[in-house]
Amino acid sequence: MTMTDPIADMLTRIRNANIAMHDDVRMPSSKLKEALAGVLAQEGYIEAYEVEDNVGRPGRTLHVRMKYSPDRDRTISGLKRVSKPGLRVYSPSTKVPRVLG
């Protein structure tokens, strides 16, 4: 089955796992998803990620370990895709907000 928007699919899977308080989530992998998971891990929103080879099946799986505080508070409060395939949002580099933290 083809996906129209793989980034939105990834964010939805992470958002759903976060709401359900799952420890990890698996999804089909791609270079773009791996790069996005790397940014999320580097910024401290997820604990870690790894790419697994599927034995006997084509493709690879991205395994994302969710991050929670010691008392199980979520580190991700919300995820939203701003620019979508049907409605692109462009912004000059001077207007992109700076991430603090």
PDB file of N, CA and C in Angstrom:
ATOM      1  N   MET A   1       0.846  -1.179   0.000  1.00  0.00           N
ATOM      2  CA  MET A   1       0.000   0.000   0.000  1.00  0.00           C
ATOM      3  C   MET A   1       0.888   1.237   0.000  1.00  0.00           C
ATOM      4  N   THR A   2       0.605   2.172  -0.882  1.00  0.00           N
ATOM      5  CA  THR A   2       1.412   3.382  -0.945  1.00  0.00           C
ATOM      6  C   THR A   2       0.887   4.420   0.036  1.00  0.00           C
ATOM      7  N   MET A   3       1.811   5.232   0.511  1.00  0.00           N
ATOM      8  CA  MET A   3       1.468   6.275   1.464  1.00  0.00           C
ATOM      9  C   MET A   3       1.557   7.628   0.772  1.00  0.00           C
ATOM     10  N   THR A   4       0.575   8.463   0.941  1.00  0.00           N
ATOM     11  CA  THR A   4       0.602   9.789   0.354  1.00  0.00           C
ATOM     12  C   THR A   4       1.551  10.702   1.111  1.00  0.00           C
ATOM     13  N   ASP A   5       1.549  10.603   2.438  1.00  0.00           N
ATOM     14  CA  ASP A   5       2.355  11.493   3.265  1.00  0.00           C
ATOM     15  C   ASP A   5       3.049  10.692   4.371  1.00  0.00           C
ATOM     16  N   PRO A   6       4.250  10.169   4.101  1.00  0.00           N
ATOM     17  CA  PRO A   6       4.924   9.334   5.094  1.00  0.00           C
ATOM     18  C   PRO A   6       5.334  10.084   6.360  1.00  0.00           C
ATOM     19  N   ILE A   7       5.591  11.379   6.260  1.00  0.00           N
ATOM     20  CA  ILE A   7       5.952  12.155   7.455  1.00  0.00           C
ATOM     21  C   ILE A   7       4.753  12.267   8.385  1.00  0.00           C
ATOM     22  N   ALA A   8       3.588  12.560   7.837  1.00  0.00           N
ATOM     23  CA  ALA A   8       2.378  12.644   8.656  1.00  0.00           C
ATOM     24  C   ALA A   8       2.067  11.292   9.286  1.00  0.00           C
ATOM     25  N   ASP A   9       2.304  10.201   8.549  1.00  0.00           N
ATOM     26  CA  ASP A   9       2.089   8.864   9.096  1.00  0.00           C
ATOM     27  C   ASP A   9       3.020   8.619  10.282  1.00  0.00           C
ATOM     28  N   MET A  10       4.281   9.008  10.152  1.00  0.00           N
ATOM     29  CA  MET A  10       5.244   8.834  11.245  1.00  0.00           C
ATOM     30  C   MET A  10       4.841   9.648  12.468  1.00  0.00           C
ATOM     31  N   LEU A  11       4.492  10.911  12.255  1.00  0.00           N
ATOM     32  CA  LEU A  11       4.090  11.769  13.374  1.00  0.00           C
ATOM     33  C   LEU A  11       2.828  11.240  14.051  1.00  0.00           C
ATOM     34  N   THR A  12       1.895  10.716  13.266  1.00  0.00           N
ATOM     35  CA  THR A  12       0.667  10.157  13.836  1.00  0.00           C
ATOM     36  C   THR A  12       0.966   8.924  14.676  1.00  0.00           C
ATOM     37  N   ARG A  13       1.849   8.067  14.202  1.00  0.00           N
ATOM     38  CA  ARG A  13       2.215   6.879  14.978  1.00  0.00           C
ATOM     39  C   ARG A  13       2.890   7.267  16.293  1.00  0.00           C
ATOM     40  N   ILE A  14       3.785   8.261  16.246  1.00  0.00           N
ATOM     41  CA  ILE A  14       4.462   8.716  17.469  1.00  0.00           C
ATOM     42  C   ILE A  14       3.461   9.383  18.403  1.00  0.00           C
ATOM     43  N   ARG A  15       2.574  10.203  17.854  1.00  0.00           N
ATOM     44  CA  ARG A  15       1.559  10.881  18.670  1.00  0.00           C
ATOM     45  C   ARG A  15       0.641   9.868  19.351  1.00  0.00           C
ATOM     46  N   ASN A  16       0.190   8.856  18.613  1.00  0.00           N
ATOM     47  CA  ASN A  16      -0.688   7.831  19.184  1.00  0.00           C
ATOM     48  C   ASN A  16       0.021   7.014  20.261  1.00  0.00           C
ATOM     49  N   ALA A  17       1.281   6.656  20.023  1.00  0.00           N
ATOM     50  CA  ALA A  17       2.042   5.904  21.029  1.00  0.00           C
ATOM     51  C   ALA A  17       2.252   6.748  22.277  1.00  0.00           C
ATOM     52  N   ASN A  18       2.462   8.041  22.095  1.00  0.00           N
ATOM     53  CA  ASN A  18       2.658   8.952  23.223  1.00  0.00           C
ATOM     54  C   ASN A  18       1.384   9.068  24.055  1.00  0.00           C
ATOM     55  N   ILE A  19       0.248   9.204  23.401  1.00  0.00           N
ATOM     56  CA  ILE A  19      -1.032   9.322  24.111  1.00  0.00           C
ATOM     57  C   ILE A  19      -1.356   8.026  24.851  1.00  0.00           C
ATOM     58  N   ALA A  20      -1.057   6.875  24.228  1.00  0.00           N
ATOM     59  CA  ALA A  20      -1.341   5.578  24.843  1.00  0.00           C
ATOM     60  C   ALA A  20      -0.259   5.155  25.839  1.00  0.00           C
ATOM     61  N   MET A  21       0.778   5.991  26.009  1.00  0.00           N
ATOM     62  CA  MET A  21       1.883   5.729  26.941  1.00  0.00           C
ATOM     63  C   MET A  21       2.626   4.433  26.599  1.00  0.00           C
ATOM     64  N   HIS A  22       2.790   4.141  25.306  1.00  0.00           N
ATOM     65  CA  HIS A  22       3.549   2.971  24.888  1.00  0.00           C
ATOM     66  C   HIS A  22       5.038   3.250  25.071  1.00  0.00           C
ATOM     67  N   ASP A  23       5.814   2.198  25.304  1.00  0.00           N
ATOM     68  CA  ASP A  23       7.254   2.351  25.474  1.00  0.00           C
ATOM     69  C   ASP A  23       7.976   2.502  24.143  1.00  0.00           C
ATOM     70  N   ASP A  24       7.415   1.936  23.089  1.00  0.00           N
ATOM     71  CA  ASP A  24       8.050   2.034  21.785  1.00  0.00           C
ATOM     72  C   ASP A  24       7.001   1.953  20.680  1.00  0.00           C
ATOM     73  N   VAL A  25       7.448   2.288  19.476  1.00  0.00           N
ATOM     74  CA  VAL A  25       6.567   2.229  18.308  1.00  0.00           C
ATOM     75  C   VAL A  25       7.421   1.820  17.108  1.00  0.00           C
ATOM     76  N   ARG A  26       6.850   0.991  16.231  1.00  0.00           N
ATOM     77  CA  ARG A  26       7.546   0.538  15.027  1.00  0.00           C
ATOM     78  C   ARG A  26       6.775   1.011  13.801  1.00  0.00           C
ATOM     79  N   MET A  27       7.550   1.311  12.750  1.00  0.00           N
ATOM     80  CA  MET A  27       6.947   1.789  11.506  1.00  0.00           C
ATOM     81  C   MET A  27       7.880   1.465  10.348  1.00  0.00           C
ATOM     82  N   PRO A  28       7.368   1.460   9.118  1.00  0.00           N
ATOM     83  CA  PRO A  28       8.253   1.274   7.968  1.00  0.00           C
ATOM     84  C   PRO A  28       9.294   2.394   7.924  1.00  0.00           C
ATOM     85  N   SER A  29      10.513   2.040   7.548  1.00  0.00           N
ATOM     86  CA  SER A  29      11.617   2.998   7.581  1.00  0.00           C
ATOM     87  C   SER A  29      11.879   3.611   6.208  1.00  0.00           C
ATOM     88  N   SER A  30      12.435   4.808   6.224  1.00  0.00           N
ATOM     89  CA  SER A  30      12.949   5.471   5.030  1.00  0.00           C
ATOM     90  C   SER A  30      14.061   6.404   5.491  1.00  0.00           C
ATOM     91  N   LYS A  31      14.850   6.898   4.561  1.00  0.00           N
ATOM     92  CA  LYS A  31      15.944   7.805   4.932  1.00  0.00           C
ATOM     93  C   LYS A  31      15.405   9.072   5.581  1.00  0.00           C
ATOM     94  N   LEU A  32      14.296   9.574   5.087  1.00  0.00           N
ATOM     95  CA  LEU A  32      13.694  10.784   5.637  1.00  0.00           C
ATOM     96  C   LEU A  32      13.198  10.554   7.063  1.00  0.00           C
ATOM     97  N   LYS A  33      12.536   9.423   7.299  1.00  0.00           N
ATOM     98  CA  LYS A  33      12.045   9.105   8.645  1.00  0.00           C
ATOM     99  C   LYS A  33      13.205   8.899   9.612  1.00  0.00           C
ATOM    100  N   GLU A  34      14.295   8.268   9.141  1.00  0.00           N
ATOM    101  CA  GLU A  34      15.470   8.078   9.989  1.00  0.00           C
ATOM    102  C   GLU A  34      16.077   9.426  10.366  1.00  0.00           C
ATOM    103  N   ALA A  35      16.153  10.347   9.412  1.00  0.00           N
ATOM    104  CA  ALA A  35      16.697  11.676   9.697  1.00  0.00           C
ATOM    105  C   ALA A  35      15.808  12.431  10.680  1.00  0.00           C
ATOM    106  N   LEU A  36      14.504  12.328  10.515  1.00  0.00           N
ATOM    107  CA  LEU A  36      13.567  12.992  11.423  1.00  0.00           C
ATOM    108  C   LEU A  36      13.655  12.392  12.825  1.00  0.00           C
ATOM    109  N   ALA A  37      13.778  11.076  12.918  1.00  0.00           N
ATOM    110  CA  ALA A  37      13.945  10.420  14.222  1.00  0.00           C
ATOM    111  C   ALA A  37      15.261  10.843  14.864  1.00  0.00           C
ATOM    112  N   GLY A  38      16.294  11.029  14.061  1.00  0.00           N
ATOM    113  CA  GLY A  38      17.575  11.504  14.583  1.00  0.00           C
ATOM    114  C   GLY A  38      17.465  12.884  15.196  1.00  0.00           C
ATOM    115  N   VAL A  39      16.719  13.765  14.550  1.00  0.00           N
ATOM    116  CA  VAL A  39      16.508  15.112  15.093  1.00  0.00           C
ATOM    117  C   VAL A  39      15.703  15.044  16.385  1.00  0.00           C
ATOM    118  N   LEU A  40      14.652  14.227  16.417  1.00  0.00           N
ATOM    119  CA  LEU A  40      13.841  14.086  17.634  1.00  0.00           C
ATOM    120  C   LEU A  40      14.671  13.533  18.789  1.00  0.00           C
ATOM    121  N   ALA A  41      15.564  12.582  18.509  1.00  0.00           N
ATOM    122  CA  ALA A  41      16.419  12.018  19.554  1.00  0.00           C
ATOM    123  C   ALA A  41      17.455  13.039  20.016  1.00  0.00           C
ATOM    124  N   GLN A  42      18.034  13.764  19.073  1.00  0.00           N
ATOM    125  CA  GLN A  42      19.052  14.766  19.404  1.00  0.00           C
ATOM    126  C   GLN A  42      18.470  15.891  20.257  1.00  0.00           C
ATOM    127  N   GLU A  43      17.235  16.273  19.986  1.00  0.00           N
ATOM    128  CA  GLU A  43      16.594  17.344  20.746  1.00  0.00           C
ATOM    129  C   GLU A  43      15.980  16.849  22.052  1.00  0.00           C
ATOM    130  N   GLY A  44      15.972  15.533  22.286  1.00  0.00           N
ATOM    131  CA  GLY A  44      15.510  14.983  23.553  1.00  0.00           C
ATOM    132  C   GLY A  44      14.028  14.668  23.632  1.00  0.00           C
ATOM    133  N   TYR A  45      13.350  14.592  22.499  1.00  0.00           N
ATOM    134  CA  TYR A  45      11.919  14.281  22.510  1.00  0.00           C
ATOM    135  C   TYR A  45      11.643  12.783  22.546  1.00  0.00           C
ATOM    136  N   ILE A  46      12.571  11.985  22.008  1.00  0.00           N
ATOM    137  CA  ILE A  46      12.456  10.532  22.098  1.00  0.00           C
ATOM    138  C   ILE A  46      13.735  10.001  22.732  1.00  0.00           C
ATOM    139  N   GLU A  47      13.644   8.813  23.314  1.00  0.00           N
ATOM    140  CA  GLU A  47      14.818   8.237  23.988  1.00  0.00           C
ATOM    141  C   GLU A  47      15.870   7.800  22.976  1.00  0.00           C
ATOM    142  N   ALA A  48      15.451   7.029  21.987  1.00  0.00           N
ATOM    143  CA  ALA A  48      16.384   6.535  20.973  1.00  0.00           C
ATOM    144  C   ALA A  48      15.593   5.960  19.806  1.00  0.00           C
ATOM    145  N   TYR A  49      16.320   5.641  18.749  1.00  0.00           N
ATOM    146  CA  TYR A  49      15.705   4.971  17.606  1.00  0.00           C
ATOM    147  C   TYR A  49      16.732   4.037  17.000  1.00  0.00           C
ATOM    148  N   GLU A  50      16.254   3.028  16.313  1.00  0.00           N
ATOM    149  CA  GLU A  50      17.141   2.118  15.602  1.00  0.00           C
ATOM    150  C   GLU A  50      16.414   1.576  14.381  1.00  0.00           C
ATOM    151  N   VAL A  51      17.199   1.206  13.386  1.00  0.00           N
ATOM    152  CA  VAL A  51      16.651   0.653  12.153  1.00  0.00           C
ATOM    153  C   VAL A  51      16.928  -0.842  12.156  1.00  0.00           C
ATOM    154  N   GLU A  52      15.882  -1.628  11.954  1.00  0.00           N
ATOM    155  CA  GLU A  52      15.987  -3.087  11.983  1.00  0.00           C
ATOM    156  C   GLU A  52      15.699  -3.649  10.595  1.00  0.00           C
ATOM    157  N   ASP A  53      16.461  -4.666  10.216  1.00  0.00           N
ATOM    158  CA  ASP A  53      16.192  -5.373   8.962  1.00  0.00           C
ATOM    159  C   ASP A  53      15.085  -6.384   9.190  1.00  0.00           C
ATOM    160  N   ASN A  54      14.165  -6.466   8.261  1.00  0.00           N
ATOM    161  CA  ASN A  54      13.071  -7.439   8.342  1.00  0.00           C
ATOM    162  C   ASN A  54      13.533  -8.743   7.709  1.00  0.00           C
ATOM    163  N   VAL A  55      13.587  -9.791   8.494  1.00  0.00           N
ATOM    164  CA  VAL A  55      13.995 -11.097   7.981  1.00  0.00           C
ATOM    165  C   VAL A  55      12.817 -11.708   7.224  1.00  0.00           C
ATOM    166  N   GLY A  56      13.056 -12.044   5.976  1.00  0.00           N
ATOM    167  CA  GLY A  56      12.018 -12.682   5.173  1.00  0.00           C
ATOM    168  C   GLY A  56      11.022 -11.720   4.549  1.00  0.00           C
ATOM    169  N   ARG A  57      11.181 -10.424   4.805  1.00  0.00           N
ATOM    170  CA  ARG A  57      10.273  -9.423   4.229  1.00  0.00           C
ATOM    171  C   ARG A  57      11.098  -8.276   3.665  1.00  0.00           C
ATOM    172  N   PRO A  58      10.623  -7.637   2.625  1.00  0.00           N
ATOM    173  CA  PRO A  58      11.381  -6.511   2.068  1.00  0.00           C
ATOM    174  C   PRO A  58      11.280  -5.276   2.958  1.00  0.00           C
ATOM    175  N   GLY A  59      12.262  -4.415   2.851  1.00  0.00           N
ATOM    176  CA  GLY A  59      12.237  -3.163   3.598  1.00  0.00           C
ATOM    177  C   GLY A  59      12.812  -3.298   4.991  1.00  0.00           C
ATOM    178  N   ARG A  60      12.880  -2.160   5.666  1.00  0.00           N
ATOM    179  CA  ARG A  60      13.395  -2.121   7.030  1.00  0.00           C
ATOM    180  C   ARG A  60      12.367  -1.466   7.935  1.00  0.00           C
ATOM    181  N   THR A  61      12.535  -1.659   9.238  1.00  0.00           N
ATOM    182  CA  THR A  61      11.606  -1.128  10.227  1.00  0.00           C
ATOM    183  C   THR A  61      12.326  -0.126  11.109  1.00  0.00           C
ATOM    184  N   LEU A  62      11.688   1.007  11.349  1.00  0.00           N
ATOM    185  CA  LEU A  62      12.202   2.020  12.263  1.00  0.00           C
ATOM    186  C   LEU A  62      11.572   1.776  13.624  1.00  0.00           C
ATOM    187  N   HIS A  63      12.410   1.566  14.629  1.00  0.00           N
ATOM    188  CA  HIS A  63      11.953   1.287  15.990  1.00  0.00           C
ATOM    189  C   HIS A  63      12.279   2.515  16.840  1.00  0.00           C
ATOM    190  N   VAL A  64      11.254   3.211  17.310  1.00  0.00           N
ATOM    191  CA  VAL A  64      11.423   4.428  18.107  1.00  0.00           C
ATOM    192  C   VAL A  64      11.052   4.124  19.550  1.00  0.00           C
ATOM    193  N   ARG A  65      11.974   4.405  20.477  1.00  0.00           N
ATOM    194  CA  ARG A  65      11.691   4.241  21.903  1.00  0.00           C
ATOM    195  C   ARG A  65      11.247   5.587  22.454  1.00  0.00           C
ATOM    196  N   MET A  66      10.064   5.605  23.021  1.00  0.00           N
ATOM    197  CA  MET A  66       9.479   6.831  23.544  1.00  0.00           C
ATOM    198  C   MET A  66      10.176   7.241  24.840  1.00  0.00           C
ATOM    199  N   LYS A  67      10.114   8.530  25.142  1.00  0.00           N
ATOM    200  CA  LYS A  67      10.774   9.052  26.338  1.00  0.00           C
ATOM    201  C   LYS A  67       9.727   9.651  27.267  1.00  0.00           C
ATOM    202  N   TYR A  68       9.791   9.249  28.528  1.00  0.00           N
ATOM    203  CA  TYR A  68       8.911   9.780  29.560  1.00  0.00           C
ATOM    204  C   TYR A  68       9.765  10.148  30.766  1.00  0.00           C
ATOM    205  N   SER A  69       9.259  11.020  31.613  1.00  0.00           N
ATOM    206  CA  SER A  69       9.976  11.370  32.841  1.00  0.00           C
ATOM    207  C   SER A  69       9.866  10.202  33.827  1.00  0.00           C
ATOM    208  N   PRO A  70      10.632  10.218  34.926  1.00  0.00           N
ATOM    209  CA  PRO A  70      10.553   9.109  35.896  1.00  0.00           C
ATOM    210  C   PRO A  70       9.146   8.867  36.447  1.00  0.00           C
ATOM    211  N   ASP A  71       8.327   9.917  36.541  1.00  0.00           N
ATOM    212  CA  ASP A  71       6.950   9.721  37.015  1.00  0.00           C
ATOM    213  C   ASP A  71       5.962   9.601  35.852  1.00  0.00           C
ATOM    214  N   ARG A  72       6.477   9.195  34.669  1.00  0.00           N
ATOM    215  CA  ARG A  72       5.704   8.897  33.460  1.00  0.00           C
ATOM    216  C   ARG A  72       4.977  10.108  32.877  1.00  0.00           C
ATOM    217  N   ASP A  73       5.552  11.291  33.018  1.00  0.00           N
ATOM    218  CA  ASP A  73       5.033  12.456  32.305  1.00  0.00           C
ATOM    219  C   ASP A  73       5.597  12.435  30.888  1.00  0.00           C
ATOM    220  N   ARG A  74       4.816  12.883  29.931  1.00  0.00           N
ATOM    221  CA  ARG A  74       5.228  12.855  28.532  1.00  0.00           C
ATOM    222  C   ARG A  74       6.233  13.974  28.238  1.00  0.00           C
ATOM    223  N   THR A  75       7.221  13.676  27.377  1.00  0.00           N
ATOM    224  CA  THR A  75       8.148  14.709  26.925  1.00  0.00           C
ATOM    225  C   THR A  75       7.614  15.404  25.675  1.00  0.00           C
ATOM    226  N   ILE A  76       6.708  14.752  24.961  1.00  0.00           N
ATOM    227  CA  ILE A  76       6.087  15.350  23.777  1.00  0.00           C
ATOM    228  C   ILE A  76       4.682  15.782  24.171  1.00  0.00           C
ATOM    229  N   SER A  77       4.442  17.085  24.112  1.00  0.00           N
ATOM    230  CA  SER A  77       3.114  17.578  24.485  1.00  0.00           C
ATOM    231  C   SER A  77       2.189  17.670  23.280  1.00  0.00           C
ATOM    232  N   GLY A  78       2.747  17.739  22.077  1.00  0.00           N
ATOM    233  CA  GLY A  78       1.924  17.796  20.881  1.00  0.00           C
ATOM    234  C   GLY A  78       2.780  17.770  19.629  1.00  0.00           C
ATOM    235  N   LEU A  79       2.268  17.179  18.569  1.00  0.00           N
ATOM    236  CA  LEU A  79       2.936  17.138  17.273  1.00  0.00           C
ATOM    237  C   LEU A  79       1.961  17.629  16.221  1.00  0.00           C
ATOM    238  N   LYS A  80       2.448  18.471  15.326  1.00  0.00           N
ATOM    239  CA  LYS A  80       1.581  18.995  14.279  1.00  0.00           C
ATOM    240  C   LYS A  80       2.402  19.205  13.018  1.00  0.00           C
ATOM    241  N   ARG A  81       1.882  18.758  11.904  1.00  0.00           N
ATOM    242  CA  ARG A  81       2.522  18.973  10.610  1.00  0.00           C
ATOM    243  C   ARG A  81       1.986  20.274  10.042  1.00  0.00           C
ATOM    244  N   VAL A  82       2.870  21.242   9.825  1.00  0.00           N
ATOM    245  CA  VAL A  82       2.432  22.554   9.352  1.00  0.00           C
ATOM    246  C   VAL A  82       2.256  22.545   7.841  1.00  0.00           C
ATOM    247  N   SER A  83       3.280  22.157   7.102  1.00  0.00           N
ATOM    248  CA  SER A  83       3.219  22.147   5.650  1.00  0.00           C
ATOM    249  C   SER A  83       2.807  20.756   5.183  1.00  0.00           C
ATOM    250  N   LYS A  84       1.689  20.679   4.487  1.00  0.00           N
ATOM    251  CA  LYS A  84       1.141  19.403   4.033  1.00  0.00           C
ATOM    252  C   LYS A  84       1.242  19.323   2.511  1.00  0.00           C
ATOM    253  N   PRO A  85       1.189  18.120   1.941  1.00  0.00           N
ATOM    254  CA  PRO A  85       1.281  18.018   0.481  1.00  0.00           C
ATOM    255  C   PRO A  85       0.219  18.826  -0.259  1.00  0.00           C
ATOM    256  N   GLY A  86      -0.967  18.942   0.297  1.00  0.00           N
ATOM    257  CA  GLY A  86      -2.033  19.682  -0.371  1.00  0.00           C
ATOM    258  C   GLY A  86      -2.028  21.168  -0.074  1.00  0.00           C
ATOM    259  N   LEU A  87      -1.244  21.588   0.913  1.00  0.00           N
ATOM    260  CA  LEU A  87      -1.212  22.996   1.302  1.00  0.00           C
ATOM    261  C   LEU A  87       0.181  23.323   1.821  1.00  0.00           C
ATOM    262  N   ARG A  88       1.065  23.700   0.914  1.00  0.00           N
ATOM    263  CA  ARG A  88       2.434  24.018   1.289  1.00  0.00           C
ATOM    264  C   ARG A  88       2.485  25.374   1.979  1.00  0.00           C
ATOM    265  N   VAL A  89       3.297  25.449   3.030  1.00  0.00           N
ATOM    266  CA  VAL A  89       3.492  26.694   3.765  1.00  0.00           C
ATOM    267  C   VAL A  89       4.957  27.059   3.642  1.00  0.00           C
ATOM    268  N   TYR A  90       5.235  28.213   3.060  1.00  0.00           N
ATOM    269  CA  TYR A  90       6.604  28.672   2.875  1.00  0.00           C
ATOM    270  C   TYR A  90       6.859  29.854   3.795  1.00  0.00           C
ATOM    271  N   SER A  91       8.078  29.932   4.308  1.00  0.00           N
ATOM    272  CA  SER A  91       8.439  31.000   5.222  1.00  0.00           C
ATOM    273  C   SER A  91       9.903  31.350   5.000  1.00  0.00           C
ATOM    274  N   PRO A  92      10.245  32.643   5.030  1.00  0.00           N
ATOM    275  CA  PRO A  92      11.660  32.999   4.893  1.00  0.00           C
ATOM    276  C   PRO A  92      12.439  32.571   6.139  1.00  0.00           C
ATOM    277  N   SER A  93      13.734  32.404   5.977  1.00  0.00           N
ATOM    278  CA  SER A  93      14.552  31.920   7.094  1.00  0.00           C
ATOM    279  C   SER A  93      14.535  32.870   8.282  1.00  0.00           C
ATOM    280  N   THR A  94      14.277  34.141   8.055  1.00  0.00           N
ATOM    281  CA  THR A  94      14.238  35.104   9.165  1.00  0.00           C
ATOM    282  C   THR A  94      12.981  34.949  10.011  1.00  0.00           C
ATOM    283  N   LYS A  95      11.946  34.309   9.471  1.00  0.00           N
ATOM    284  CA  LYS A  95      10.687  34.147  10.205  1.00  0.00           C
ATOM    285  C   LYS A  95      10.537  32.779  10.873  1.00  0.00           C
ATOM    286  N   VAL A  96      11.493  31.873  10.656  1.00  0.00           N
ATOM    287  CA  VAL A  96      11.428  30.559  11.284  1.00  0.00           C
ATOM    288  C   VAL A  96      11.758  30.731  12.765  1.00  0.00           C
ATOM    289  N   PRO A  97      10.869  30.270  13.657  1.00  0.00           N
ATOM    290  CA  PRO A  97      11.120  30.473  15.086  1.00  0.00           C
ATOM    291  C   PRO A  97      12.326  29.679  15.565  1.00  0.00           C
ATOM    292  N   ARG A  98      13.040  30.242  16.521  1.00  0.00           N
ATOM    293  CA  ARG A  98      14.212  29.591  17.090  1.00  0.00           C
ATOM    294  C   ARG A  98      13.762  28.668  18.216  1.00  0.00           C
ATOM    295  N   VAL A  99      14.267  27.443  18.203  1.00  0.00           N
ATOM    296  CA  VAL A  99      13.912  26.468  19.233  1.00  0.00           C
ATOM    297  C   VAL A  99      14.800  26.700  20.441  1.00  0.00           C
ATOM    298  N   LEU A 100      14.181  26.928  21.574  1.00  0.00           N
ATOM    299  CA  LEU A 100      14.927  27.137  22.810  1.00  0.00           C
ATOM    300  C   LEU A 100      14.932  25.852  23.607  1.00  0.00           C
ATOM    301  N   GLY A 101      15.988  25.590  24.270  1.00  0.00           N
ATOM    302  CA  GLY A 101      15.981  24.396  25.108  1.00  0.00           C
ATOM    303  C   GLY A 101      17.242  23.719  25.047  1.00  0.00           C
TER     304      GLY A 101
END
